Amino acid sequence: MPERHARFYGACLILALQHIHSRGIIYRDLKLENVMIDALGYVKIVDFGFAKGLQGDSERTYTMCGTPQYMAPEMLKAVGYGKYVPSFPVIYV
């Protein structure tokens, strides 16, 4: 995949997460299997089964859910997390 396409898809994913965060929703199961590309080439996030609404930026939740290989350390340690906890693996290229 050309780098410009990867940047475009990455930017679309960030915009989608910003949008759901602006509505007070945390996703909690971001992984490649839950990211689709529509007929026009735009990213769509699917499977909101673990999504949760939070009241305000400081509210935290303690539920461990999602795919263990993709969980943030805060979720695994059960110390509480909000919408700013990364929920995706770091990929080194």
PDB file of N, CA and C in Angstrom:
ATOM      1  N   MET A   1       0.857  -1.169   0.000  1.00  0.00           N
ATOM      2  CA  MET A   1       0.000   0.000   0.000  1.00  0.00           C
ATOM      3  C   MET A   1       0.905   1.235   0.000  1.00  0.00           C
ATOM      4  N   PRO A   2       0.645   2.167  -0.872  1.00  0.00           N
ATOM      5  CA  PRO A   2       1.437   3.403  -0.886  1.00  0.00           C
ATOM      6  C   PRO A   2       1.262   4.172   0.430  1.00  0.00           C
ATOM      7  N   GLU A   3       2.302   4.861   0.829  1.00  0.00           N
ATOM      8  CA  GLU A   3       2.277   5.611   2.086  1.00  0.00           C
ATOM      9  C   GLU A   3       1.138   6.624   2.121  1.00  0.00           C
ATOM     10  N   ARG A   4       0.848   7.267   1.011  1.00  0.00           N
ATOM     11  CA  ARG A   4      -0.223   8.273   0.999  1.00  0.00           C
ATOM     12  C   ARG A   4      -1.581   7.645   1.300  1.00  0.00           C
ATOM     13  N   HIS A   5      -1.798   6.401   0.880  1.00  0.00           N
ATOM     14  CA  HIS A   5      -3.048   5.708   1.206  1.00  0.00           C
ATOM     15  C   HIS A   5      -3.100   5.368   2.692  1.00  0.00           C
ATOM     16  N   ALA A   6      -1.996   4.913   3.228  1.00  0.00           N
ATOM     17  CA  ALA A   6      -1.944   4.593   4.663  1.00  0.00           C
ATOM     18  C   ALA A   6      -2.207   5.847   5.500  1.00  0.00           C
ATOM     19  N   ARG A   7      -1.647   6.985   5.088  1.00  0.00           N
ATOM     20  CA  ARG A   7      -1.899   8.240   5.806  1.00  0.00           C
ATOM     21  C   ARG A   7      -3.378   8.618   5.728  1.00  0.00           C
ATOM     22  N   PHE A   8      -3.974   8.453   4.560  1.00  0.00           N
ATOM     23  CA  PHE A   8      -5.390   8.776   4.381  1.00  0.00           C
ATOM     24  C   PHE A   8      -6.260   7.907   5.293  1.00  0.00           C
ATOM     25  N   TYR A   9      -6.034   6.592   5.292  1.00  0.00           N
ATOM     26  CA  TYR A   9      -6.825   5.694   6.131  1.00  0.00           C
ATOM     27  C   TYR A   9      -6.607   5.987   7.611  1.00  0.00           C
ATOM     28  N   GLY A  10      -5.369   6.269   7.980  1.00  0.00           N
ATOM     29  CA  GLY A  10      -5.074   6.622   9.372  1.00  0.00           C
ATOM     30  C   GLY A  10      -5.803   7.891   9.785  1.00  0.00           C
ATOM     31  N   ALA A  11      -5.806   8.892   8.916  1.00  0.00           N
ATOM     32  CA  ALA A  11      -6.497  10.151   9.215  1.00  0.00           C
ATOM     33  C   ALA A  11      -8.007   9.929   9.315  1.00  0.00           C
ATOM     34  N   CYS A  12      -8.571   9.106   8.440  1.00  0.00           N
ATOM     35  CA  CYS A  12     -10.006   8.799   8.509  1.00  0.00           C
ATOM     36  C   CYS A  12     -10.346   8.123   9.827  1.00  0.00           C
ATOM     37  N   LEU A  13      -9.505   7.206  10.265  1.00  0.00           N
ATOM     38  CA  LEU A  13      -9.746   6.503  11.518  1.00  0.00           C
ATOM     39  C   LEU A  13      -9.686   7.462  12.699  1.00  0.00           C
ATOM     40  N   ILE A  14      -8.716   8.349  12.698  1.00  0.00           N
ATOM     41  CA  ILE A  14      -8.605   9.345  13.768  1.00  0.00           C
ATOM     42  C   ILE A  14      -9.829  10.255  13.788  1.00  0.00           C
ATOM     43  N   LEU A  15     -10.275  10.707  12.628  1.00  0.00           N
ATOM     44  CA  LEU A  15     -11.469  11.555  12.568  1.00  0.00           C
ATOM     45  C   LEU A  15     -12.714  10.828  13.077  1.00  0.00           C
ATOM     46  N   ALA A  16     -12.839   9.550  12.737  1.00  0.00           N
ATOM     47  CA  ALA A  16     -13.989   8.774  13.211  1.00  0.00           C
ATOM     48  C   ALA A  16     -13.963   8.656  14.734  1.00  0.00           C
ATOM     49  N   LEU A  17     -12.796   8.379  15.309  1.00  0.00           N
ATOM     50  CA  LEU A  17     -12.691   8.278  16.769  1.00  0.00           C
ATOM     51  C   LEU A  17     -12.933   9.628  17.438  1.00  0.00           C
ATOM     52  N   GLN A  18     -12.428  10.694  16.837  1.00  0.00           N
ATOM     53  CA  GLN A  18     -12.688  12.030  17.392  1.00  0.00           C
ATOM     54  C   GLN A  18     -14.185  12.309  17.412  1.00  0.00           C
ATOM     55  N   HIS A  19     -14.868  11.902  16.360  1.00  0.00           N
ATOM     56  CA  HIS A  19     -16.307  12.141  16.272  1.00  0.00           C
ATOM     57  C   HIS A  19     -17.061  11.400  17.379  1.00  0.00           C
ATOM     58  N   ILE A  20     -16.781  10.103  17.550  1.00  0.00           N
ATOM     59  CA  ILE A  20     -17.520   9.384  18.589  1.00  0.00           C
ATOM     60  C   ILE A  20     -17.119   9.868  19.986  1.00  0.00           C
ATOM     61  N   HIS A  21     -15.853  10.268  20.174  1.00  0.00           N
ATOM     62  CA  HIS A  21     -15.437  10.828  21.460  1.00  0.00           C
ATOM     63  C   HIS A  21     -16.152  12.150  21.731  1.00  0.00           C
ATOM     64  N   SER A  22     -16.363  12.962  20.693  1.00  0.00           N
ATOM     65  CA  SER A  22     -17.054  14.243  20.880  1.00  0.00           C
ATOM     66  C   SER A  22     -18.493  14.033  21.334  1.00  0.00           C
ATOM     67  N   ARG A  23     -19.027  12.851  21.096  1.00  0.00           N
ATOM     68  CA  ARG A  23     -20.387  12.510  21.520  1.00  0.00           C
ATOM     69  C   ARG A  23     -20.392  11.738  22.847  1.00  0.00           C
ATOM     70  N   GLY A  24     -19.214  11.667  23.493  1.00  0.00           N
ATOM     71  CA  GLY A  24     -19.128  11.021  24.796  1.00  0.00           C
ATOM     72  C   GLY A  24     -19.096   9.510  24.757  1.00  0.00           C
ATOM     73  N   ILE A  25     -18.695   8.932  23.647  1.00  0.00           N
ATOM     74  CA  ILE A  25     -18.683   7.479  23.496  1.00  0.00           C
ATOM     75  C   ILE A  25     -17.235   6.992  23.412  1.00  0.00           C
ATOM     76  N   ILE A  26     -16.936   5.922  24.156  1.00  0.00           N
ATOM     77  CA  ILE A  26     -15.636   5.264  23.993  1.00  0.00           C
ATOM     78  C   ILE A  26     -15.879   3.951  23.261  1.00  0.00           C
ATOM     79  N   TYR A  27     -14.963   3.567  22.413  1.00  0.00           N
ATOM     80  CA  TYR A  27     -15.174   2.424  21.528  1.00  0.00           C
ATOM     81  C   TYR A  27     -14.782   1.091  22.164  1.00  0.00           C
ATOM     82  N   ARG A  28     -13.601   0.950  22.690  1.00  0.00           N
ATOM     83  CA  ARG A  28     -13.101  -0.169  23.474  1.00  0.00           C
ATOM     84  C   ARG A  28     -12.845  -1.474  22.744  1.00  0.00           C
ATOM     85  N   ASP A  29     -12.898  -1.536  21.426  1.00  0.00           N
ATOM     86  CA  ASP A  29     -12.575  -2.786  20.715  1.00  0.00           C
ATOM     87  C   ASP A  29     -11.991  -2.498  19.334  1.00  0.00           C
ATOM     88  N   LEU A  30     -11.085  -1.536  19.275  1.00  0.00           N
ATOM     89  CA  LEU A  30     -10.502  -1.173  17.989  1.00  0.00           C
ATOM     90  C   LEU A  30      -9.451  -2.198  17.583  1.00  0.00           C
ATOM     91  N   LYS A  31      -9.682  -2.804  16.448  1.00  0.00           N
ATOM     92  CA  LYS A  31      -8.756  -3.776  15.864  1.00  0.00           C
ATOM     93  C   LYS A  31      -9.035  -3.823  14.369  1.00  0.00           C
ATOM     94  N   LEU A  32      -8.131  -4.415  13.619  1.00  0.00           N
ATOM     95  CA  LEU A  32      -8.269  -4.424  12.161  1.00  0.00           C
ATOM     96  C   LEU A  32      -9.581  -5.050  11.707  1.00  0.00           C
ATOM     97  N   GLU A  33     -10.038  -6.073  12.417  1.00  0.00           N
ATOM     98  CA  GLU A  33     -11.287  -6.742  12.027  1.00  0.00           C
ATOM     99  C   GLU A  33     -12.500  -5.838  12.155  1.00  0.00           C
ATOM    100  N   ASN A  34     -12.404  -4.758  12.915  1.00  0.00           N
ATOM    101  CA  ASN A  34     -13.532  -3.843  13.117  1.00  0.00           C
ATOM    102  C   ASN A  34     -13.399  -2.549  12.330  1.00  0.00           C
ATOM    103  N   VAL A  35     -12.480  -2.506  11.402  1.00  0.00           N
ATOM    104  CA  VAL A  35     -12.313  -1.337  10.534  1.00  0.00           C
ATOM    105  C   VAL A  35     -12.544  -1.792   9.097  1.00  0.00           C
ATOM    106  N   MET A  36     -13.531  -1.195   8.458  1.00  0.00           N
ATOM    107  CA  MET A  36     -13.895  -1.541   7.082  1.00  0.00           C
ATOM    108  C   MET A  36     -13.682  -0.334   6.172  1.00  0.00           C
ATOM    109  N   ILE A  37     -13.629  -0.593   4.891  1.00  0.00           N
ATOM    110  CA  ILE A  37     -13.520   0.478   3.890  1.00  0.00           C
ATOM    111  C   ILE A  37     -14.746   0.383   2.997  1.00  0.00           C
ATOM    112  N   ASP A  38     -15.485   1.506   2.867  1.00  0.00           N
ATOM    113  CA  ASP A  38     -16.712   1.483   2.073  1.00  0.00           C
ATOM    114  C   ASP A  38     -16.412   1.568   0.577  1.00  0.00           C
ATOM    115  N   ALA A  39     -17.453   1.567  -0.227  1.00  0.00           N
ATOM    116  CA  ALA A  39     -17.316   1.561  -1.690  1.00  0.00           C
ATOM    117  C   ALA A  39     -16.611   2.806  -2.225  1.00  0.00           C
ATOM    118  N   LEU A  40     -16.657   3.905  -1.464  1.00  0.00           N
ATOM    119  CA  LEU A  40     -15.989   5.139  -1.892  1.00  0.00           C
ATOM    120  C   LEU A  40     -14.561   5.242  -1.360  1.00  0.00           C
ATOM    121  N   GLY A  41     -14.137   4.253  -0.566  1.00  0.00           N
ATOM    122  CA  GLY A  41     -12.779   4.244  -0.055  1.00  0.00           C
ATOM    123  C   GLY A  41     -12.592   4.891   1.306  1.00  0.00           C
ATOM    124  N   TYR A  42     -13.686   5.131   2.023  1.00  0.00           N
ATOM    125  CA  TYR A  42     -13.595   5.750   3.348  1.00  0.00           C
ATOM    126  C   TYR A  42     -13.696   4.698   4.445  1.00  0.00           C
ATOM    127  N   VAL A  43     -13.028   4.974   5.560  1.00  0.00           N
ATOM    128  CA  VAL A  43     -12.999   4.060   6.689  1.00  0.00           C
ATOM    129  C   VAL A  43     -14.327   4.102   7.442  1.00  0.00           C
ATOM    130  N   LYS A  44     -14.789   2.937   7.834  1.00  0.00           N
ATOM    131  CA  LYS A  44     -15.980   2.787   8.677  1.00  0.00           C
ATOM    132  C   LYS A  44     -15.601   1.905   9.853  1.00  0.00           C
ATOM    133  N   ILE A  45     -15.970   2.330  11.057  1.00  0.00           N
ATOM    134  CA  ILE A  45     -15.755   1.516  12.244  1.00  0.00           C
ATOM    135  C   ILE A  45     -17.035   0.725  12.475  1.00  0.00           C
ATOM    136  N   VAL A  46     -16.904  -0.584  12.683  1.00  0.00           N
ATOM    137  CA  VAL A  46     -18.070  -1.453  12.872  1.00  0.00           C
ATOM    138  C   VAL A  46     -17.978  -2.145  14.234  1.00  0.00           C
ATOM    139  N   ASP A  47     -19.043  -2.795  14.642  1.00  0.00           N
ATOM    140  CA  ASP A  47     -19.139  -3.573  15.875  1.00  0.00           C
ATOM    141  C   ASP A  47     -18.970  -2.699  17.109  1.00  0.00           C
ATOM    142  N   PHE A  48     -20.031  -1.998  17.454  1.00  0.00           N
ATOM    143  CA  PHE A  48     -20.035  -1.129  18.629  1.00  0.00           C
ATOM    144  C   PHE A  48     -20.541  -1.866  19.873  1.00  0.00           C
ATOM    145  N   GLY A  49     -20.395  -3.176  19.900  1.00  0.00           N
ATOM    146  CA  GLY A  49     -20.885  -3.973  21.017  1.00  0.00           C
ATOM    147  C   GLY A  49     -20.273  -3.625  22.363  1.00  0.00           C
ATOM    148  N   PHE A  50     -19.009  -3.195  22.392  1.00  0.00           N
ATOM    149  CA  PHE A  50     -18.343  -2.824  23.641  1.00  0.00           C
ATOM    150  C   PHE A  50     -18.303  -1.316  23.860  1.00  0.00           C
ATOM    151  N   ALA A  51     -18.902  -0.537  22.967  1.00  0.00           N
ATOM    152  CA  ALA A  51     -18.903   0.922  23.119  1.00  0.00           C
ATOM    153  C   ALA A  51     -19.677   1.311  24.374  1.00  0.00           C
ATOM    154  N   LYS A  52     -19.272   2.436  24.961  1.00  0.00           N
ATOM    155  CA  LYS A  52     -19.924   2.890  26.195  1.00  0.00           C
ATOM    156  C   LYS A  52     -19.967   4.410  26.212  1.00  0.00           C
ATOM    157  N   GLY A  53     -21.067   4.954  26.672  1.00  0.00           N
ATOM    158  CA  GLY A  53     -21.187   6.394  26.825  1.00  0.00           C
ATOM    159  C   GLY A  53     -20.627   6.842  28.163  1.00  0.00           C
ATOM    160  N   LEU A  54     -19.875   7.930  28.162  1.00  0.00           N
ATOM    161  CA  LEU A  54     -19.326   8.505  29.382  1.00  0.00           C
ATOM    162  C   LEU A  54     -19.808   9.936  29.523  1.00  0.00           C
ATOM    163  N   GLN A  55     -19.992  10.370  30.755  1.00  0.00           N
ATOM    164  CA  GLN A  55     -20.391  11.746  31.035  1.00  0.00           C
ATOM    165  C   GLN A  55     -19.144  12.563  31.348  1.00  0.00           C
ATOM    166  N   GLY A  56     -18.704  13.377  30.430  1.00  0.00           N
ATOM    167  CA  GLY A  56     -17.549  14.251  30.661  1.00  0.00           C
ATOM    168  C   GLY A  56     -16.217  13.572  30.413  1.00  0.00           C
ATOM    169  N   ASP A  57     -15.182  14.417  30.277  1.00  0.00           N
ATOM    170  CA  ASP A  57     -13.846  13.915  29.974  1.00  0.00           C
ATOM    171  C   ASP A  57     -13.180  13.214  31.152  1.00  0.00           C
ATOM    172  N   SER A  58     -13.632  13.483  32.366  1.00  0.00           N
ATOM    173  CA  SER A  58     -12.959  12.925  33.535  1.00  0.00           C
ATOM    174  C   SER A  58     -13.595  11.626  34.037  1.00  0.00           C
ATOM    175  N   GLU A  59     -14.768  11.244  33.507  1.00  0.00           N
ATOM    176  CA  GLU A  59     -15.394   9.998  33.960  1.00  0.00           C
ATOM    177  C   GLU A  59     -14.541   8.818  33.536  1.00  0.00           C
ATOM    178  N   ARG A  60     -14.476   7.824  34.407  1.00  0.00           N
ATOM    179  CA  ARG A  60     -13.692   6.633  34.147  1.00  0.00           C
ATOM    180  C   ARG A  60     -14.585   5.403  34.253  1.00  0.00           C
ATOM    181  N   THR A  61     -14.165   4.341  33.604  1.00  0.00           N
ATOM    182  CA  THR A  61     -14.845   3.058  33.702  1.00  0.00           C
ATOM    183  C   THR A  61     -13.801   2.000  34.000  1.00  0.00           C
ATOM    184  N   TYR A  62     -14.224   0.882  34.541  1.00  0.00           N
ATOM    185  CA  TYR A  62     -13.284  -0.144  34.997  1.00  0.00           C
ATOM    186  C   TYR A  62     -13.542  -1.500  34.355  1.00  0.00           C
ATOM    187  N   THR A  63     -14.430  -1.564  33.396  1.00  0.00           N
ATOM    188  CA  THR A  63     -14.782  -2.818  32.756  1.00  0.00           C
ATOM    189  C   THR A  63     -13.652  -3.309  31.864  1.00  0.00           C
ATOM    190  N   MET A  64     -13.304  -4.591  32.021  1.00  0.00           N
ATOM    191  CA  MET A  64     -12.326  -5.193  31.119  1.00  0.00           C
ATOM    192  C   MET A  64     -13.108  -5.861  29.994  1.00  0.00           C
ATOM    193  N   CYS A  65     -12.947  -5.356  28.780  1.00  0.00           N
ATOM    194  CA  CYS A  65     -13.663  -5.919  27.650  1.00  0.00           C
ATOM    195  C   CYS A  65     -12.854  -5.676  26.377  1.00  0.00           C
ATOM    196  N   GLY A  66     -13.231  -6.377  25.324  1.00  0.00           N
ATOM    197  CA  GLY A  66     -12.507  -6.243  24.072  1.00  0.00           C
ATOM    198  C   GLY A  66     -11.591  -7.432  23.843  1.00  0.00           C
ATOM    199  N   THR A  67     -10.681  -7.283  22.925  1.00  0.00           N
ATOM    200  CA  THR A  67      -9.739  -8.337  22.561  1.00  0.00           C
ATOM    201  C   THR A  67      -8.457  -8.143  23.357  1.00  0.00           C
ATOM    202  N   PRO A  68      -8.047  -9.127  24.179  1.00  0.00           N
ATOM    203  CA  PRO A  68      -6.884  -8.945  25.063  1.00  0.00           C
ATOM    204  C   PRO A  68      -5.618  -8.466  24.359  1.00  0.00           C
ATOM    205  N   GLN A  69      -5.351  -8.934  23.165  1.00  0.00           N
ATOM    206  CA  GLN A  69      -4.138  -8.531  22.452  1.00  0.00           C
ATOM    207  C   GLN A  69      -4.120  -7.054  22.095  1.00  0.00           C
ATOM    208  N   TYR A  70      -5.259  -6.396  22.113  1.00  0.00           N
ATOM    209  CA  TYR A  70      -5.362  -4.995  21.730  1.00  0.00           C
ATOM    210  C   TYR A  70      -5.691  -4.070  22.902  1.00  0.00           C
ATOM    211  N   MET A  71      -5.814  -4.618  24.103  1.00  0.00           N
ATOM    212  CA  MET A  71      -6.213  -3.809  25.261  1.00  0.00           C
ATOM    213  C   MET A  71      -5.102  -2.873  25.720  1.00  0.00           C
ATOM    214  N   ALA A  72      -5.517  -1.710  26.186  1.00  0.00           N
ATOM    215  CA  ALA A  72      -4.581  -0.748  26.765  1.00  0.00           C
ATOM    216  C   ALA A  72      -4.123  -1.264  28.125  1.00  0.00           C
ATOM    217  N   PRO A  73      -2.900  -0.911  28.540  1.00  0.00           N
ATOM    218  CA  PRO A  73      -2.401  -1.348  29.850  1.00  0.00           C
ATOM    219  C   PRO A  73      -3.327  -0.939  30.994  1.00  0.00           C
ATOM    220  N   GLU A  74      -3.949   0.236  30.910  1.00  0.00           N
ATOM    221  CA  GLU A  74      -4.857   0.685  31.968  1.00  0.00           C
ATOM    222  C   GLU A  74      -6.038  -0.253  32.131  1.00  0.00           C
ATOM    223  N   MET A  75      -6.498  -0.827  31.027  1.00  0.00           N
ATOM    224  CA  MET A  75      -7.610  -1.754  31.095  1.00  0.00           C
ATOM    225  C   MET A  75      -7.159  -3.072  31.728  1.00  0.00           C
ATOM    226  N   LEU A  76      -6.009  -3.558  31.323  1.00  0.00           N
ATOM    227  CA  LEU A  76      -5.490  -4.808  31.875  1.00  0.00           C
ATOM    228  C   LEU A  76      -5.163  -4.688  33.357  1.00  0.00           C
ATOM    229  N   LYS A  77      -4.693  -3.521  33.790  1.00  0.00           N
ATOM    230  CA  LYS A  77      -4.336  -3.303  35.198  1.00  0.00           C
ATOM    231  C   LYS A  77      -5.542  -2.963  36.066  1.00  0.00           C
ATOM    232  N   ALA A  78      -6.702  -2.743  35.447  1.00  0.00           N
ATOM    233  CA  ALA A  78      -7.945  -2.412  36.150  1.00  0.00           C
ATOM    234  C   ALA A  78      -7.800  -1.158  37.013  1.00  0.00           C
ATOM    235  N   VAL A  79      -7.129  -0.124  36.474  1.00  0.00           N
ATOM    236  CA  VAL A  79      -6.961   1.135  37.203  1.00  0.00           C
ATOM    237  C   VAL A  79      -7.951   2.194  36.735  1.00  0.00           C
ATOM    238  N   GLY A  80      -8.823   1.845  35.805  1.00  0.00           N
ATOM    239  CA  GLY A  80      -9.799   2.787  35.282  1.00  0.00           C
ATOM    240  C   GLY A  80      -9.267   3.496  34.050  1.00  0.00           C
ATOM    241  N   TYR A  81     -10.170   3.824  33.150  1.00  0.00           N
ATOM    242  CA  TYR A  81      -9.789   4.478  31.906  1.00  0.00           C
ATOM    243  C   TYR A  81     -10.962   5.292  31.393  1.00  0.00           C
ATOM    244  N   GLY A  82     -10.650   6.228  30.517  1.00  0.00           N
ATOM    245  CA  GLY A  82     -11.658   7.070  29.882  1.00  0.00           C
ATOM    246  C   GLY A  82     -11.447   7.049  28.389  1.00  0.00           C
ATOM    247  N   LYS A  83     -11.916   8.093  27.719  1.00  0.00           N
ATOM    248  CA  LYS A  83     -11.834   8.084  26.258  1.00  0.00           C
ATOM    249  C   LYS A  83     -10.434   8.366  25.722  1.00  0.00           C
ATOM    250  N   TYR A  84      -9.505   8.772  26.563  1.00  0.00           N
ATOM    251  CA  TYR A  84      -8.170   9.071  26.072  1.00  0.00           C
ATOM    252  C   TYR A  84      -7.183   7.936  26.235  1.00  0.00           C
ATOM    253  N   VAL A  85      -7.645   6.763  26.650  1.00  0.00           N
ATOM    254  CA  VAL A  85      -6.773   5.594  26.741  1.00  0.00           C
ATOM    255  C   VAL A  85      -6.663   4.994  25.354  1.00  0.00           C
ATOM    256  N   PRO A  86      -5.438   4.783  24.867  1.00  0.00           N
ATOM    257  CA  PRO A  86      -5.306   4.158  23.549  1.00  0.00           C
ATOM    258  C   PRO A  86      -5.823   2.728  23.593  1.00  0.00           C
ATOM    259  N   SER A  87      -6.569   2.338  22.581  1.00  0.00           N
ATOM    260  CA  SER A  87      -7.111   0.978  22.568  1.00  0.00           C
ATOM    261  C   SER A  87      -6.699   0.259  21.289  1.00  0.00           C
ATOM    262  N   PHE A  88      -5.493   0.467  20.883  1.00  0.00           N
ATOM    263  CA  PHE A  88      -5.009  -0.202  19.689  1.00  0.00           C
ATOM    264  C   PHE A  88      -3.519  -0.502  19.877  1.00  0.00           C
ATOM    265  N   PRO A  89      -3.030  -1.537  19.203  1.00  0.00           N
ATOM    266  CA  PRO A  89      -1.627  -1.922  19.377  1.00  0.00           C
ATOM    267  C   PRO A  89      -0.708  -0.918  18.678  1.00  0.00           C
ATOM    268  N   VAL A  90       0.488  -0.817  19.185  1.00  0.00           N
ATOM    269  CA  VAL A  90       1.511  -0.006  18.527  1.00  0.00           C
ATOM    270  C   VAL A  90       2.169  -0.888  17.480  1.00  0.00           C
ATOM    271  N   ILE A  91       2.173  -0.430  16.262  1.00  0.00           N
ATOM    272  CA  ILE A  91       2.755  -1.217  15.163  1.00  0.00           C
ATOM    273  C   ILE A  91       4.026  -0.530  14.700  1.00  0.00           C
ATOM    274  N   TYR A  92       5.115  -1.228  14.759  1.00  0.00           N
ATOM    275  CA  TYR A  92       6.398  -0.681  14.324  1.00  0.00           C
ATOM    276  C   TYR A  92       6.675  -1.140  12.899  1.00  0.00           C
ATOM    277  N   VAL A  93       7.035  -0.188  12.047  1.00  0.00           N
ATOM    278  CA  VAL A  93       7.363  -0.540  10.656  1.00  0.00           C
ATOM    279  C   VAL A  93       8.763  -0.093  10.325  1.00  0.00           C
TER     280      VAL A  93
END
